[in-house]
PDB file of N, CA and C in Angstrom:
ATOM      1  N   UNK A   1     179.269 142.072  74.065  1.00  0.00           N
ATOM      2  CA  UNK A   1     178.312 141.205  74.694  1.00  0.00           C
ATOM      3  C   UNK A   1     177.431 142.001  75.659  1.00  0.00           C
ATOM      4  N   UNK A   2     178.020 142.936  76.372  1.00  0.00           N
ATOM      5  CA  UNK A   2     177.245 143.751  77.304  1.00  0.00           C
ATOM      6  C   UNK A   2     176.254 144.625  76.558  1.00  0.00           C
ATOM      7  N   UNK A   3     176.646 145.115  75.410  1.00  0.00           N
ATOM      8  CA  UNK A   3     175.747 145.983  74.639  1.00  0.00           C
ATOM      9  C   UNK A   3     174.533 145.197  74.148  1.00  0.00           C
ATOM     10  N   UNK A   4     174.784 143.971  73.819  1.00  0.00           N
ATOM     11  CA  UNK A   4     173.685 143.114  73.377  1.00  0.00           C
ATOM     12  C   UNK A   4     172.714 142.859  74.532  1.00  0.00           C
ATOM     13  N   UNK A   5     173.258 142.614  75.720  1.00  0.00           N
ATOM     14  CA  UNK A   5     172.436 142.394  76.898  1.00  0.00           C
ATOM     15  C   UNK A   5     171.636 143.650  77.243  1.00  0.00           C
ATOM     16  N   UNK A   6     172.263 144.802  77.181  1.00  0.00           N
ATOM     17  CA  UNK A   6     171.589 146.070  77.456  1.00  0.00           C
ATOM     18  C   UNK A   6     170.493 146.311  76.414  1.00  0.00           C
ATOM     19  N   UNK A   7     170.776 146.004  75.174  1.00  0.00           N
ATOM     20  CA  UNK A   7     169.810 146.200  74.110  1.00  0.00           C
ATOM     21  C   UNK A   7     168.590 145.281  74.303  1.00  0.00           C
ATOM     22  N   UNK A   8     168.828 144.023  74.657  1.00  0.00           N
ATOM     23  CA  UNK A   8     167.728 143.087  74.902  1.00  0.00           C
ATOM     24  C   UNK A   8     166.913 143.535  76.104  1.00  0.00           C
ATOM     25  N   UNK A   9     167.564 143.970  77.172  1.00  0.00           N
ATOM     26  CA  UNK A   9     166.842 144.460  78.343  1.00  0.00           C
ATOM     27  C   UNK A   9     166.032 145.717  78.026  1.00  0.00           C
ATOM     28  N   UNK A  10     166.575 146.589  77.184  1.00  0.00           N
ATOM     29  CA  UNK A  10     165.852 147.804  76.811  1.00  0.00           C
ATOM     30  C   UNK A  10     164.571 147.462  76.046  1.00  0.00           C
ATOM     31  N   UNK A  11     164.663 146.506  75.112  1.00  0.00           N
ATOM     32  CA  UNK A  11     163.459 146.091  74.379  1.00  0.00           C
ATOM     33  C   UNK A  11     162.448 145.416  75.307  1.00  0.00           C
ATOM     34  N   UNK A  12     162.950 144.618  76.220  1.00  0.00           N
ATOM     35  CA  UNK A  12     162.050 143.922  77.140  1.00  0.00           C
ATOM     36  C   UNK A  12     161.342 144.911  78.056  1.00  0.00           C
ATOM     37  N   UNK A  13     162.067 145.908  78.546  1.00  0.00           N
ATOM     38  CA  UNK A  13     161.473 146.887  79.457  1.00  0.00           C
ATOM     39  C   UNK A  13     160.553 147.851  78.715  1.00  0.00           C
ATOM     40  N   UNK A  14     160.776 148.052  77.441  1.00  0.00           N
ATOM     41  CA  UNK A  14     159.910 148.957  76.684  1.00  0.00           C
ATOM     42  C   UNK A  14     158.498 148.386  76.607  1.00  0.00           C
ATOM     43  N   UNK A  15     158.368 147.063  76.544  1.00  0.00           N
ATOM     44  CA  UNK A  15     157.050 146.428  76.514  1.00  0.00           C
ATOM     45  C   UNK A  15     156.320 146.586  77.829  1.00  0.00           C
ATOM     46  N   UNK A  16     157.032 146.691  78.933  1.00  0.00           N
ATOM     47  CA  UNK A  16     156.400 146.841  80.242  1.00  0.00           C
ATOM     48  C   UNK A  16     155.829 148.232  80.432  1.00  0.00           C
ATOM     49  N   UNK A  17     156.327 149.193  79.703  1.00  0.00           N
ATOM     50  CA  UNK A  17     155.888 150.573  79.876  1.00  0.00           C
ATOM     51  C   UNK A  17     154.574 150.870  79.181  1.00  0.00           C
ATOM     52  N   UNK A  18     154.122 150.010  78.295  1.00  0.00           N
ATOM     53  CA  UNK A  18     152.868 150.291  77.594  1.00  0.00           C
ATOM     54  C   UNK A  18     151.691 149.710  78.369  1.00  0.00           C
ATOM     55  N   UNK A  19     150.559 150.343  78.228  1.00  0.00           N
ATOM     56  CA  UNK A  19     149.354 149.841  78.882  1.00  0.00           C
ATOM     57  C   UNK A  19     148.377 149.381  77.805  1.00  0.00           C
ATOM     58  N   UNK A  20     147.722 148.297  78.031  1.00  0.00           N
ATOM     59  CA  UNK A  20     146.760 147.829  77.037  1.00  0.00           C
ATOM     60  C   UNK A  20     145.544 148.745  76.990  1.00  0.00           C
ATOM     61  N   UNK A  21     144.879 148.716  75.853  1.00  0.00           N
ATOM     62  CA  UNK A  21     143.679 149.530  75.720  1.00  0.00           C
ATOM     63  C   UNK A  21     142.612 149.005  76.685  1.00  0.00           C
ATOM     64  N   UNK A  22     141.820 149.900  77.256  1.00  0.00           N
ATOM     65  CA  UNK A  22     140.784 149.429  78.175  1.00  0.00           C
ATOM     66  C   UNK A  22     139.747 148.595  77.418  1.00  0.00           C
ATOM     67  N   UNK A  23     139.214 147.611  78.091  1.00  0.00           N
ATOM     68  CA  UNK A  23     138.196 146.758  77.502  1.00  0.00           C
ATOM     69  C   UNK A  23     136.895 147.544  77.446  1.00  0.00           C
ATOM     70  N   UNK A  24     136.270 147.605  76.273  1.00  0.00           N
ATOM     71  CA  UNK A  24     135.031 148.383  76.193  1.00  0.00           C
ATOM     72  C   UNK A  24     133.934 147.729  77.020  1.00  0.00           C
ATOM     73  N   UNK A  25     133.160 148.559  77.687  1.00  0.00           N
ATOM     74  CA  UNK A  25     132.057 148.028  78.497  1.00  0.00           C
ATOM     75  C   UNK A  25     130.873 147.736  77.579  1.00  0.00           C
ATOM     76  N   UNK A  26     130.226 146.609  77.780  1.00  0.00           N
ATOM     77  CA  UNK A  26     129.075 146.284  76.935  1.00  0.00           C
ATOM     78  C   UNK A  26     127.899 147.202  77.240  1.00  0.00           C
ATOM     79  N   UNK A  27     126.985 147.282  76.275  1.00  0.00           N
ATOM     80  CA  UNK A  27     125.782 148.072  76.499  1.00  0.00           C
ATOM     81  C   UNK A  27     125.024 147.479  77.685  1.00  0.00           C
ATOM     82  N   UNK A  28     124.185 148.288  78.277  1.00  0.00           N
ATOM     83  CA  UNK A  28     123.412 147.810  79.432  1.00  0.00           C
ATOM     84  C   UNK A  28     122.538 146.642  79.005  1.00  0.00           C
ATOM     85  N   UNK A  29     122.757 145.509  79.634  1.00  0.00           N
ATOM     86  CA  UNK A  29     121.955 144.327  79.339  1.00  0.00           C
ATOM     87  C   UNK A  29     121.112 143.998  80.560  1.00  0.00           C
ATOM     88  N   UNK A  30     119.855 143.638  80.349  1.00  0.00           N
ATOM     89  CA  UNK A  30     119.018 143.305  81.502  1.00  0.00           C
ATOM     90  C   UNK A  30     119.508 142.027  82.168  1.00  0.00           C
ATOM     91  N   UNK A  31     119.248 141.953  83.438  1.00  0.00           N
ATOM     92  CA  UNK A  31     119.632 140.749  84.183  1.00  0.00           C
ATOM     93  C   UNK A  31     118.807 139.567  83.698  1.00  0.00           C
ATOM     94  N   UNK A  32     119.411 138.400  83.641  1.00  0.00           N
ATOM     95  CA  UNK A  32     118.633 137.239  83.198  1.00  0.00           C
ATOM     96  C   UNK A  32     117.534 136.907  84.208  1.00  0.00           C
ATOM     97  N   UNK A  33     116.403 136.511  83.693  1.00  0.00           N
ATOM     98  CA  UNK A  33     115.266 136.171  84.538  1.00  0.00           C
ATOM     99  C   UNK A  33     114.931 134.707  84.306  1.00  0.00           C
ATOM    100  N   UNK A  34     114.826 133.983  85.360  1.00  0.00           N
ATOM    101  CA  UNK A  34     114.458 132.579  85.263  1.00  0.00           C
ATOM    102  C   UNK A  34     113.030 132.433  85.760  1.00  0.00           C
ATOM    103  N   UNK A  35     112.168 131.989  84.872  1.00  0.00           N
ATOM    104  CA  UNK A  35     110.767 131.782  85.245  1.00  0.00           C
ATOM    105  C   UNK A  35     110.588 130.315  85.614  1.00  0.00           C
ATOM    106  N   UNK A  36     110.200 130.094  86.828  1.00  0.00           N
ATOM    107  CA  UNK A  36     110.023 128.705  87.254  1.00  0.00           C
ATOM    108  C   UNK A  36     108.625 128.220  86.909  1.00  0.00           C
ATOM    109  N   UNK A  37     108.498 126.929  86.836  1.00  0.00           N
ATOM    110  CA  UNK A  37     107.212 126.300  86.540  1.00  0.00           C
ATOM    111  C   UNK A  37     106.692 125.625  87.800  1.00  0.00           C
ATOM    112  N   UNK A  38     105.381 125.505  87.872  1.00  0.00           N
ATOM    113  CA  UNK A  38     104.791 124.764  88.997  1.00  0.00           C
ATOM    114  C   UNK A  38     105.289 123.331  88.967  1.00  0.00           C
ATOM    115  N   UNK A  39     105.424 122.747  90.117  1.00  0.00           N
ATOM    116  CA  UNK A  39     105.907 121.373  90.179  1.00  0.00           C
ATOM    117  C   UNK A  39     104.942 120.421  89.488  1.00  0.00           C
ATOM    118  N   UNK A  40     103.656 120.733  89.514  1.00  0.00           N
ATOM    119  CA  UNK A  40     102.679 119.886  88.855  1.00  0.00           C
ATOM    120  C   UNK A  40     102.861 119.839  87.343  1.00  0.00           C
ATOM    121  N   UNK A  41     103.381 120.929  86.775  1.00  0.00           N
ATOM    122  CA  UNK A  41     103.589 120.966  85.333  1.00  0.00           C
ATOM    123  C   UNK A  41     104.773 120.091  84.930  1.00  0.00           C
ATOM    124  N   UNK A  42     105.789 120.073  85.744  1.00  0.00           N
ATOM    125  CA  UNK A  42     107.010 119.354  85.382  1.00  0.00           C
ATOM    126  C   UNK A  42     107.061 117.929  85.915  1.00  0.00           C
ATOM    127  N   UNK A  43     106.146 117.597  86.803  1.00  0.00           N
ATOM    128  CA  UNK A  43     106.165 116.254  87.389  1.00  0.00           C
ATOM    129  C   UNK A  43     105.664 115.235  86.363  1.00  0.00           C
ATOM    130  N   UNK A  44     106.459 114.217  86.051  1.00  0.00           N
ATOM    131  CA  UNK A  44     106.002 113.216  85.077  1.00  0.00           C
ATOM    132  C   UNK A  44     104.915 112.327  85.670  1.00  0.00           C
ATOM    133  N   UNK A  45     103.993 111.941  84.824  1.00  0.00           N
ATOM    134  CA  UNK A  45     102.935 111.029  85.243  1.00  0.00           C
ATOM    135  C   UNK A  45     103.260 109.639  84.713  1.00  0.00           C
ATOM    136  N   UNK A  46     102.953 108.609  85.478  1.00  0.00           N
ATOM    137  CA  UNK A  46     103.253 107.251  84.996  1.00  0.00           C
ATOM    138  C   UNK A  46     102.366 106.879  83.814  1.00  0.00           C
ATOM    139  N   UNK A  47     102.968 106.178  82.877  1.00  0.00           N
ATOM    140  CA  UNK A  47     102.228 105.711  81.709  1.00  0.00           C
ATOM    141  C   UNK A  47     101.220 104.653  82.143  1.00  0.00           C
ATOM    142  N   UNK A  48     100.042 104.636  81.519  1.00  0.00           N
ATOM    143  CA  UNK A  48      99.060 103.602  81.876  1.00  0.00           C
ATOM    144  C   UNK A  48      99.640 102.201  81.664  1.00  0.00           C
ATOM    145  N   UNK A  49      99.198 101.290  82.514  1.00  0.00           N
ATOM    146  CA  UNK A  49      99.693  99.911  82.452  1.00  0.00           C
ATOM    147  C   UNK A  49      99.019  99.186  81.290  1.00  0.00           C
ATOM    148  N   UNK A  50      99.826  98.530  80.475  1.00  0.00           N
ATOM    149  CA  UNK A  50      99.298  97.764  79.347  1.00  0.00           C
ATOM    150  C   UNK A  50      98.621  96.499  79.846  1.00  0.00           C
ATOM    151  N   UNK A  51      97.551  96.119  79.177  1.00  0.00           N
ATOM    152  CA  UNK A  51      96.932  94.849  79.565  1.00  0.00           C
ATOM    153  C   UNK A  51      97.849  93.679  79.189  1.00  0.00           C
ATOM    154  N   UNK A  52      97.938  92.721  80.060  1.00  0.00           N
ATOM    155  CA  UNK A  52      98.777  91.549  79.797  1.00  0.00           C
ATOM    156  C   UNK A  52      97.969  90.282  80.021  1.00  0.00           C
ATOM    157  N   UNK A  53      98.492  89.222  79.521  1.00  0.00           N
ATOM    158  CA  UNK A  53      97.833  87.939  79.742  1.00  0.00           C
ATOM    159  C   UNK A  53      96.583  87.785  78.906  1.00  0.00           C
ATOM    160  N   UNK A  54      95.575  87.210  79.496  1.00  0.00           N
ATOM    161  CA  UNK A  54      94.310  86.966  78.806  1.00  0.00           C
ATOM    162  C   UNK A  54      93.432  88.204  78.975  1.00  0.00           C
ATOM    163  N   UNK A  55      93.334  89.029  77.949  1.00  0.00           N
ATOM    164  CA  UNK A  55      92.559  90.255  78.037  1.00  0.00           C
ATOM    165  C   UNK A  55      91.526  90.318  76.914  1.00  0.00           C
ATOM    166  N   UNK A  56      90.502  91.117  77.163  1.00  0.00           N
ATOM    167  CA  UNK A  56      89.405  91.249  76.205  1.00  0.00           C
ATOM    168  C   UNK A  56      89.531  92.575  75.457  1.00  0.00           C
ATOM    169  N   UNK A  57      88.633  92.748  74.494  1.00  0.00           N
ATOM    170  CA  UNK A  57      88.603  94.016  73.765  1.00  0.00           C
ATOM    171  C   UNK A  57      88.253  95.170  74.695  1.00  0.00           C
ATOM    172  N   UNK A  58      87.476  94.919  75.729  1.00  0.00           N
ATOM    173  CA  UNK A  58      87.148  95.960  76.706  1.00  0.00           C
ATOM    174  C   UNK A  58      88.412  96.434  77.416  1.00  0.00           C
ATOM    175  N   UNK A  59      89.294  95.481  77.792  1.00  0.00           N
ATOM    176  CA  UNK A  59      90.564  95.857  78.434  1.00  0.00           C
ATOM    177  C   UNK A  59      91.397  96.720  77.490  1.00  0.00           C
ATOM    178  N   UNK A  60      91.438  96.347  76.231  1.00  0.00           N
ATOM    179  CA  UNK A  60      92.218  97.107  75.249  1.00  0.00           C
ATOM    180  C   UNK A  60      91.627  98.499  75.065  1.00  0.00           C
ATOM    181  N   UNK A  61      90.307  98.587  74.947  1.00  0.00           N
ATOM    182  CA  UNK A  61      89.687  99.905  74.751  1.00  0.00           C
ATOM    183  C   UNK A  61      89.879 100.789  75.983  1.00  0.00           C
ATOM    184  N   UNK A  62      89.799 100.204  77.190  1.00  0.00           N
ATOM    185  CA  UNK A  62      90.068 100.981  78.407  1.00  0.00           C
ATOM    186  C   UNK A  62      91.501 101.483  78.423  1.00  0.00           C
ATOM    187  N   UNK A  63      92.430 100.617  78.018  1.00  0.00           N
ATOM    188  CA  UNK A  63      93.842 101.014  77.972  1.00  0.00           C
ATOM    189  C   UNK A  63      94.051 102.144  76.973  1.00  0.00           C
ATOM    190  N   UNK A  64      93.449 102.031  75.801  1.00  0.00           N
ATOM    191  CA  UNK A  64      93.603 103.074  74.783  1.00  0.00           C
ATOM    192  C   UNK A  64      93.017 104.397  75.287  1.00  0.00           C
ATOM    193  N   UNK A  65      91.878 104.337  75.966  1.00  0.00           N
ATOM    194  CA  UNK A  65      91.276 105.561  76.508  1.00  0.00           C
ATOM    195  C   UNK A  65      92.178 106.176  77.578  1.00  0.00           C
ATOM    196  N   UNK A  66      92.727 105.353  78.480  1.00  0.00           N
ATOM    197  CA  UNK A  66      93.649 105.873  79.510  1.00  0.00           C
ATOM    198  C   UNK A  66      94.916 106.451  78.868  1.00  0.00           C
ATOM    199  N   UNK A  67      95.411 105.764  77.841  1.00  0.00           N
ATOM    200  CA  UNK A  67      96.601 106.244  77.142  1.00  0.00           C
ATOM    201  C   UNK A  67      96.330 107.590  76.469  1.00  0.00           C
ATOM    202  N   UNK A  68      95.136 107.731  75.904  1.00  0.00           N
ATOM    203  CA  UNK A  68      94.775 108.996  75.270  1.00  0.00           C
ATOM    204  C   UNK A  68      94.681 110.120  76.297  1.00  0.00           C
ATOM    205  N   UNK A  69      94.055 109.859  77.434  1.00  0.00           N
ATOM    206  CA  UNK A  69      93.971 110.865  78.508  1.00  0.00           C
ATOM    207  C   UNK A  69      95.358 111.241  79.002  1.00  0.00           C
ATOM    208  N   UNK A  70      96.214 110.235  79.171  1.00  0.00           N
ATOM    209  CA  UNK A  70      97.583 110.466  79.642  1.00  0.00           C
ATOM    210  C   UNK A  70      98.341 111.365  78.652  1.00  0.00           C
ATOM    211  N   UNK A  71      98.245 111.052  77.368  1.00  0.00           N
ATOM    212  CA  UNK A  71      98.915 111.865  76.346  1.00  0.00           C
ATOM    213  C   UNK A  71      98.348 113.272  76.263  1.00  0.00           C
ATOM    214  N   UNK A  72      97.024 113.383  76.373  1.00  0.00           N
ATOM    215  CA  UNK A  72      96.390 114.705  76.323  1.00  0.00           C
ATOM    216  C   UNK A  72      96.839 115.577  77.488  1.00  0.00           C
ATOM    217  N   UNK A  73      96.938 114.992  78.671  1.00  0.00           N
ATOM    218  CA  UNK A  73      97.415 115.762  79.838  1.00  0.00           C
ATOM    219  C   UNK A  73      98.845 116.238  79.610  1.00  0.00           C
ATOM    220  N   UNK A  74      99.650 115.419  78.980  1.00  0.00           N
ATOM    221  CA  UNK A  74     101.026 115.837  78.688  1.00  0.00           C
ATOM    222  C   UNK A  74     101.071 117.039  77.767  1.00  0.00           C
ATOM    223  N   UNK A  75     100.242 117.009  76.707  1.00  0.00           N
ATOM    224  CA  UNK A  75     100.198 118.150  75.790  1.00  0.00           C
ATOM    225  C   UNK A  75      99.628 119.387  76.472  1.00  0.00           C
ATOM    226  N   UNK A  76      98.639 119.198  77.353  1.00  0.00           N
ATOM    227  CA  UNK A  76      98.084 120.337  78.087  1.00  0.00           C
ATOM    228  C   UNK A  76      99.133 120.950  79.009  1.00  0.00           C
ATOM    229  N   UNK A  77      99.926 120.104  79.639  1.00  0.00           N
ATOM    230  CA  UNK A  77     101.002 120.622  80.502  1.00  0.00           C
ATOM    231  C   UNK A  77     102.020 121.403  79.678  1.00  0.00           C
ATOM    232  N   UNK A  78     102.356 120.884  78.515  1.00  0.00           N
ATOM    233  CA  UNK A  78     103.309 121.575  77.650  1.00  0.00           C
ATOM    234  C   UNK A  78     102.761 122.927  77.212  1.00  0.00           C
ATOM    235  N   UNK A  79     101.494 122.970  76.826  1.00  0.00           N
ATOM    236  CA  UNK A  79     100.881 124.237  76.428  1.00  0.00           C
ATOM    237  C   UNK A  79     100.856 125.219  77.596  1.00  0.00           C
ATOM    238  N   UNK A  80     100.562 124.727  78.774  1.00  0.00           N
ATOM    239  CA  UNK A  80     100.549 125.581  79.959  1.00  0.00           C
ATOM    240  C   UNK A  80     101.946 126.133  80.255  1.00  0.00           C
ATOM    241  N   UNK A  81     102.952 125.290  80.117  1.00  0.00           N
ATOM    242  CA  UNK A  81     104.324 125.748  80.355  1.00  0.00           C
ATOM    243  C   UNK A  81     104.725 126.796  79.328  1.00  0.00           C
ATOM    244  N   UNK A  82     104.332 126.609  78.079  1.00  0.00           N
ATOM    245  CA  UNK A  82     104.659 127.597  77.040  1.00  0.00           C
ATOM    246  C   UNK A  82     103.969 128.923  77.317  1.00  0.00           C
ATOM    247  N   UNK A  83     102.681 128.881  77.701  1.00  0.00           N
ATOM    248  CA  UNK A  83     101.960 130.107  78.014  1.00  0.00           C
ATOM    249  C   UNK A  83     102.599 130.828  79.196  1.00  0.00           C
ATOM    250  N   UNK A  84     102.958 130.082  80.193  1.00  0.00           N
ATOM    251  CA  UNK A  84     103.594 130.682  81.378  1.00  0.00           C
ATOM    252  C   UNK A  84     104.928 131.326  80.992  1.00  0.00           C
ATOM    253  N   UNK A  85     105.688 130.658  80.128  1.00  0.00           N
ATOM    254  CA  UNK A  85     106.959 131.202  79.673  1.00  0.00           C
ATOM    255  C   UNK A  85     106.750 132.485  78.871  1.00  0.00           C
ATOM    256  N   UNK A  86     105.759 132.501  77.987  1.00  0.00           N
ATOM    257  CA  UNK A  86     105.479 133.702  77.200  1.00  0.00           C
ATOM    258  C   UNK A  86     105.062 134.863  78.099  1.00  0.00           C
ATOM    259  N   UNK A  87     104.214 134.593  79.091  1.00  0.00           N
ATOM    260  CA  UNK A  87     103.810 135.659  80.021  1.00  0.00           C
ATOM    261  C   UNK A  87     105.021 136.206  80.772  1.00  0.00           C
ATOM    262  N   UNK A  88     105.913 135.299  81.180  1.00  0.00           N
ATOM    263  CA  UNK A  88     107.104 135.730  81.905  1.00  0.00           C
ATOM    264  C   UNK A  88     107.996 136.586  81.017  1.00  0.00           C
ATOM    265  N   UNK A  89     108.169 136.162  79.758  1.00  0.00           N
ATOM    266  CA  UNK A  89     108.997 136.937  78.833  1.00  0.00           C
ATOM    267  C   UNK A  89     108.402 138.312  78.591  1.00  0.00           C
ATOM    268  N   UNK A  90     107.090 138.383  78.402  1.00  0.00           N
ATOM    269  CA  UNK A  90     106.434 139.672  78.179  1.00  0.00           C
ATOM    270  C   UNK A  90     106.582 140.580  79.390  1.00  0.00           C
ATOM    271  N   UNK A  91     106.536 139.993  80.552  1.00  0.00           N
ATOM    272  CA  UNK A  91     106.631 140.765  81.797  1.00  0.00           C
ATOM    273  C   UNK A  91     108.035 141.325  82.005  1.00  0.00           C
ATOM    274  N   UNK A  92     109.053 140.543  81.661  1.00  0.00           N
ATOM    275  CA  UNK A  92     110.426 140.944  81.957  1.00  0.00           C
ATOM    276  C   UNK A  92     111.202 141.463  80.758  1.00  0.00           C
ATOM    277  N   UNK A  93     110.681 141.296  79.555  1.00  0.00           N
ATOM    278  CA  UNK A  93     111.350 141.804  78.362  1.00  0.00           C
ATOM    279  C   UNK A  93     110.375 142.698  77.605  1.00  0.00           C
ATOM    280  N   UNK A  94     110.331 143.985  77.951  1.00  0.00           N
ATOM    281  CA  UNK A  94     109.334 144.866  77.339  1.00  0.00           C
ATOM    282  C   UNK A  94     109.549 145.086  75.843  1.00  0.00           C
ATOM    283  N   UNK A  95     110.750 144.894  75.324  1.00  0.00           N
ATOM    284  CA  UNK A  95     111.029 145.143  73.912  1.00  0.00           C
ATOM    285  C   UNK A  95     111.057 143.864  73.097  1.00  0.00           C
ATOM    286  N   UNK A  96     110.363 142.839  73.522  1.00  0.00           N
ATOM    287  CA  UNK A  96     110.392 141.550  72.832  1.00  0.00           C
ATOM    288  C   UNK A  96     109.894 141.674  71.403  1.00  0.00           C
ATOM    289  N   UNK A  97     108.788 142.375  71.183  1.00  0.00           N
ATOM    290  CA  UNK A  97     108.213 142.481  69.843  1.00  0.00           C
ATOM    291  C   UNK A  97     109.149 143.231  68.909  1.00  0.00           C
ATOM    292  N   UNK A  98     109.802 144.267  69.410  1.00  0.00           N
ATOM    293  CA  UNK A  98     110.734 145.036  68.576  1.00  0.00           C
ATOM    294  C   UNK A  98     111.961 144.215  68.219  1.00  0.00           C
ATOM    295  N   UNK A  99     112.499 143.465  69.176  1.00  0.00           N
ATOM    296  CA  UNK A  99     113.714 142.697  68.920  1.00  0.00           C
ATOM    297  C   UNK A  99     113.441 141.530  67.989  1.00  0.00           C
ATOM    298  N   UNK A 100     112.231 140.930  68.041  1.00  0.00           N
ATOM    299  CA  UNK A 100     111.926 139.828  67.139  1.00  0.00           C
ATOM    300  C   UNK A 100     111.830 140.317  65.705  1.00  0.00           C
ATOM    301  N   UNK A 101     111.340 141.533  65.492  1.00  0.00           N
ATOM    302  CA  UNK A 101     111.231 142.092  64.145  1.00  0.00           C
ATOM    303  C   UNK A 101     112.595 142.365  63.545  1.00  0.00           C
ATOM    304  N   UNK A 102     113.568 142.699  64.371  1.00  0.00           N
ATOM    305  CA  UNK A 102     114.910 142.990  63.881  1.00  0.00           C
ATOM    306  C   UNK A 102     115.625 141.743  63.406  1.00  0.00           C
ATOM    307  N   UNK A 103     115.328 140.597  64.012  1.00  0.00           N
ATOM    308  CA  UNK A 103     116.011 139.368  63.651  1.00  0.00           C
ATOM    309  C   UNK A 103     115.609 138.864  62.275  1.00  0.00           C
ATOM    310  N   UNK A 104     114.422 139.215  61.826  1.00  0.00           N
ATOM    311  CA  UNK A 104     113.933 138.669  60.561  1.00  0.00           C
ATOM    312  C   UNK A 104     114.360 139.470  59.391  1.00  0.00           C
TER     313      UNK A 104
END
């Protein structure tokens, strides 16, 4: 019984004597860059108020024109945010064009 205990302890202690392989260090990666947007770009605008009650075709056409302006401003803000993001990426990721070619 003692020999069995000694044998089990010897196997258990043999595992403690080994060291794990070192974890490989990753290649140098650039620090993440967060490009913020102007508050005006991200601030939502209220949707135009729909005409209610007794309204004329003039009220409807005014509403449609306001709705169109509201939607156009939203798309302009989105385009501005995309352009700002692209400029930020170009500024902080000099190898963007090379890395995009590799993915394809």
